[in-house]
Amino acid sequence: MSESLTPAQVAEYLGFKTSSIYALICRKELAATKVGRNRLISPAQLQDYMNRRGINRNIDCRYAPSNLAS
């Protein structure tokens, strides 16, 4: 997966609220890239966060719903 994810997509994937993802970004617990007014999370950034938190899932959106793969 080479596409970046929005905080809403990451929240859906992890089962968090979107506001929680923004809080993680604000506290620098989850790295994100600022593009204009938006924040985007790369698969590597999400995997790094998940590894540090002990969340054992592989990030592979090839077969994910279209809203996660775009």
N, C-alpha and C. Protein backbone atom coordinates (compact mmCIF):
# COMPACT_ATOMS: atom_id res chain seq x y z
N MET A 1 0.85 -1.17 0.00
CA MET A 1 0.00 0.00 0.00
C MET A 1 0.89 1.23 0.00
N SER A 2 0.75 2.09 -0.97
CA SER A 2 1.57 3.27 -1.05
C SER A 2 0.77 4.54 -0.81
N GLU A 3 -0.53 4.42 -0.69
CA GLU A 3 -1.40 5.58 -0.48
C GLU A 3 -1.36 6.00 0.98
N SER A 4 -1.42 7.30 1.22
CA SER A 4 -1.53 7.80 2.58
C SER A 4 -2.99 7.75 3.02
N LEU A 5 -3.17 7.68 4.32
CA LEU A 5 -4.51 7.58 4.89
C LEU A 5 -4.86 8.86 5.63
N THR A 6 -6.13 9.18 5.65
CA THR A 6 -6.61 10.31 6.44
C THR A 6 -6.78 9.86 7.89
N PRO A 7 -6.83 10.81 8.81
CA PRO A 7 -7.11 10.42 10.20
C PRO A 7 -8.42 9.64 10.35
N ALA A 8 -9.43 9.97 9.58
CA ALA A 8 -10.70 9.23 9.65
C ALA A 8 -10.52 7.78 9.21
N GLN A 9 -9.73 7.55 8.18
CA GLN A 9 -9.49 6.18 7.71
C GLN A 9 -8.69 5.39 8.74
N VAL A 10 -7.70 6.03 9.36
CA VAL A 10 -6.90 5.37 10.40
C VAL A 10 -7.79 5.05 11.59
N ALA A 11 -8.67 5.98 11.96
CA ALA A 11 -9.59 5.75 13.07
C ALA A 11 -10.48 4.54 12.80
N GLU A 12 -11.01 4.46 11.60
CA GLU A 12 -11.86 3.32 11.25
C GLU A 12 -11.07 2.01 11.31
N TYR A 13 -9.86 2.02 10.80
CA TYR A 13 -9.02 0.83 10.77
C TYR A 13 -8.69 0.35 12.18
N LEU A 14 -8.36 1.30 13.07
CA LEU A 14 -7.96 0.93 14.43
C LEU A 14 -9.14 0.80 15.40
N GLY A 15 -10.32 1.27 14.98
CA GLY A 15 -11.47 1.23 15.86
C GLY A 15 -11.46 2.35 16.89
N PHE A 16 -10.81 3.47 16.54
CA PHE A 16 -10.74 4.65 17.40
C PHE A 16 -11.70 5.70 16.88
N LYS A 17 -11.91 6.74 17.68
CA LYS A 17 -12.63 7.91 17.20
C LYS A 17 -11.65 8.78 16.42
N THR A 18 -12.17 9.51 15.45
CA THR A 18 -11.31 10.40 14.66
C THR A 18 -10.63 11.43 15.56
N SER A 19 -11.34 11.93 16.54
CA SER A 19 -10.74 12.91 17.45
C SER A 19 -9.56 12.32 18.22
N SER A 20 -9.61 11.03 18.50
CA SER A 20 -8.49 10.37 19.18
C SER A 20 -7.26 10.33 18.29
N ILE A 21 -7.46 10.13 17.01
CA ILE A 21 -6.33 10.11 16.07
C ILE A 21 -5.70 11.50 16.01
N TYR A 22 -6.53 12.54 15.93
CA TYR A 22 -5.99 13.90 15.94
C TYR A 22 -5.23 14.19 17.24
N ALA A 23 -5.72 13.67 18.36
CA ALA A 23 -5.03 13.86 19.64
C ALA A 23 -3.68 13.15 19.62
N LEU A 24 -3.62 11.95 19.08
CA LEU A 24 -2.35 11.23 18.97
C LEU A 24 -1.36 12.01 18.11
N ILE A 25 -1.85 12.59 17.02
CA ILE A 25 -0.99 13.39 16.15
C ILE A 25 -0.50 14.62 16.90
N CYS A 26 -1.39 15.29 17.62
CA CYS A 26 -1.04 16.49 18.37
C CYS A 26 0.02 16.19 19.43
N ARG A 27 -0.10 15.03 20.09
CA ARG A 27 0.86 14.63 21.13
C ARG A 27 2.12 14.00 20.55
N LYS A 28 2.17 13.94 19.21
CA LYS A 28 3.31 13.36 18.48
C LYS A 28 3.53 11.88 18.79
N GLU A 29 2.45 11.19 19.15
CA GLU A 29 2.51 9.75 19.33
C GLU A 29 2.31 9.03 18.00
N LEU A 30 1.62 9.70 17.07
CA LEU A 30 1.40 9.18 15.73
C LEU A 30 1.90 10.24 14.75
N ALA A 31 2.89 9.87 13.97
CA ALA A 31 3.44 10.82 13.01
C ALA A 31 2.46 11.00 11.85
N ALA A 32 2.42 12.22 11.34
CA ALA A 32 1.56 12.53 10.19
C ALA A 32 2.23 13.64 9.40
N THR A 33 1.91 13.68 8.13
CA THR A 33 2.44 14.71 7.23
C THR A 33 1.34 15.74 7.00
N LYS A 34 1.71 16.99 7.13
CA LYS A 34 0.74 18.06 6.89
C LYS A 34 0.77 18.43 5.42
N VAL A 35 -0.38 18.36 4.78
CA VAL A 35 -0.53 18.74 3.38
C VAL A 35 -1.64 19.79 3.33
N GLY A 36 -1.24 21.04 3.19
CA GLY A 36 -2.22 22.12 3.30
C GLY A 36 -2.77 22.14 4.71
N ARG A 37 -4.09 22.04 4.82
CA ARG A 37 -4.73 21.99 6.14
C ARG A 37 -4.96 20.57 6.61
N ASN A 38 -4.64 19.60 5.78
CA ASN A 38 -4.93 18.20 6.07
C ASN A 38 -3.72 17.49 6.67
N ARG A 39 -4.00 16.42 7.37
CA ARG A 39 -2.96 15.54 7.90
C ARG A 39 -3.11 14.20 7.20
N LEU A 40 -2.00 13.65 6.74
CA LEU A 40 -2.01 12.34 6.10
C LEU A 40 -1.03 11.43 6.82
N ILE A 41 -1.42 10.19 6.99
CA ILE A 41 -0.60 9.20 7.67
C ILE A 41 -0.18 8.16 6.66
N SER A 42 1.12 7.96 6.52
CA SER A 42 1.60 6.95 5.58
C SER A 42 1.49 5.58 6.22
N PRO A 43 1.50 4.53 5.42
CA PRO A 43 1.47 3.18 5.99
C PRO A 43 2.65 2.94 6.93
N ALA A 44 3.82 3.48 6.60
CA ALA A 44 4.99 3.29 7.47
C ALA A 44 4.79 3.98 8.81
N GLN A 45 4.20 5.18 8.80
CA GLN A 45 3.93 5.90 10.05
C GLN A 45 2.92 5.14 10.90
N LEU A 46 1.89 4.61 10.27
CA LEU A 46 0.89 3.85 11.00
C LEU A 46 1.48 2.56 11.55
N GLN A 47 2.28 1.87 10.75
CA GLN A 47 2.89 0.62 11.20
C GLN A 47 3.84 0.89 12.37
N ASP A 48 4.58 1.99 12.32
CA ASP A 48 5.48 2.34 13.42
C ASP A 48 4.69 2.56 14.71
N TYR A 49 3.59 3.30 14.63
CA TYR A 49 2.74 3.51 15.80
C TYR A 49 2.21 2.18 16.33
N MET A 50 1.73 1.34 15.43
CA MET A 50 1.16 0.06 15.85
C MET A 50 2.22 -0.83 16.49
N ASN A 51 3.43 -0.82 15.95
CA ASN A 51 4.51 -1.61 16.54
C ASN A 51 4.84 -1.13 17.95
N ARG A 52 4.89 0.18 18.14
CA ARG A 52 5.20 0.73 19.46
C ARG A 52 4.09 0.43 20.46
N ARG A 53 2.85 0.37 20.01
CA ARG A 53 1.72 0.10 20.89
C ARG A 53 1.42 -1.39 21.04
N GLY A 54 2.12 -2.23 20.31
CA GLY A 54 1.91 -3.67 20.40
C GLY A 54 0.66 -4.15 19.68
N ILE A 55 0.24 -3.41 18.66
CA ILE A 55 -0.92 -3.81 17.86
C ILE A 55 -0.39 -4.66 16.72
N ASN A 56 -0.79 -5.91 16.70
CA ASN A 56 -0.26 -6.85 15.72
C ASN A 56 -1.21 -7.04 14.55
N ARG A 57 -1.11 -6.15 13.59
CA ARG A 57 -1.88 -6.27 12.34
C ARG A 57 -0.97 -5.87 11.21
N ASN A 58 -1.09 -6.53 10.11
CA ASN A 58 -0.37 -6.10 8.91
C ASN A 58 -1.24 -5.10 8.17
N ILE A 59 -0.62 -4.05 7.68
CA ILE A 59 -1.35 -3.04 6.94
C ILE A 59 -1.24 -3.39 5.46
N ASP A 60 -2.33 -3.84 4.91
CA ASP A 60 -2.37 -4.20 3.50
C ASP A 60 -3.75 -3.85 2.98
N CYS A 61 -3.83 -2.75 2.27
CA CYS A 61 -5.14 -2.28 1.81
C CYS A 61 -5.44 -2.71 0.38
N ARG A 62 -4.69 -3.64 -0.16
CA ARG A 62 -4.98 -4.10 -1.52
C ARG A 62 -6.39 -4.66 -1.62
N TYR A 63 -6.86 -5.28 -0.55
CA TYR A 63 -8.18 -5.89 -0.57
C TYR A 63 -9.13 -5.20 0.40
N ALA A 64 -8.78 -4.01 0.83
CA ALA A 64 -9.60 -3.26 1.77
C ALA A 64 -10.76 -2.60 1.04
N PRO A 65 -11.76 -2.18 1.78
CA PRO A 65 -12.84 -1.42 1.15
C PRO A 65 -12.26 -0.21 0.43
N SER A 66 -12.90 0.23 -0.60
CA SER A 66 -12.37 1.29 -1.45
C SER A 66 -12.09 2.57 -0.68
N ASN A 67 -12.82 2.84 0.40
CA ASN A 67 -12.57 4.06 1.14
C ASN A 67 -11.25 4.00 1.90
N LEU A 68 -10.70 2.82 2.19
CA LEU A 68 -9.41 2.71 2.84
C LEU A 68 -8.28 2.65 1.84
N ALA A 69 -8.54 2.17 0.66
CA ALA A 69 -7.48 2.02 -0.34
C ALA A 69 -7.26 3.28 -1.15
N SER A 70 -8.15 4.25 -1.08
CA SER A 70 -7.99 5.47 -1.89
C SER A 70 -7.37 6.60 -1.10
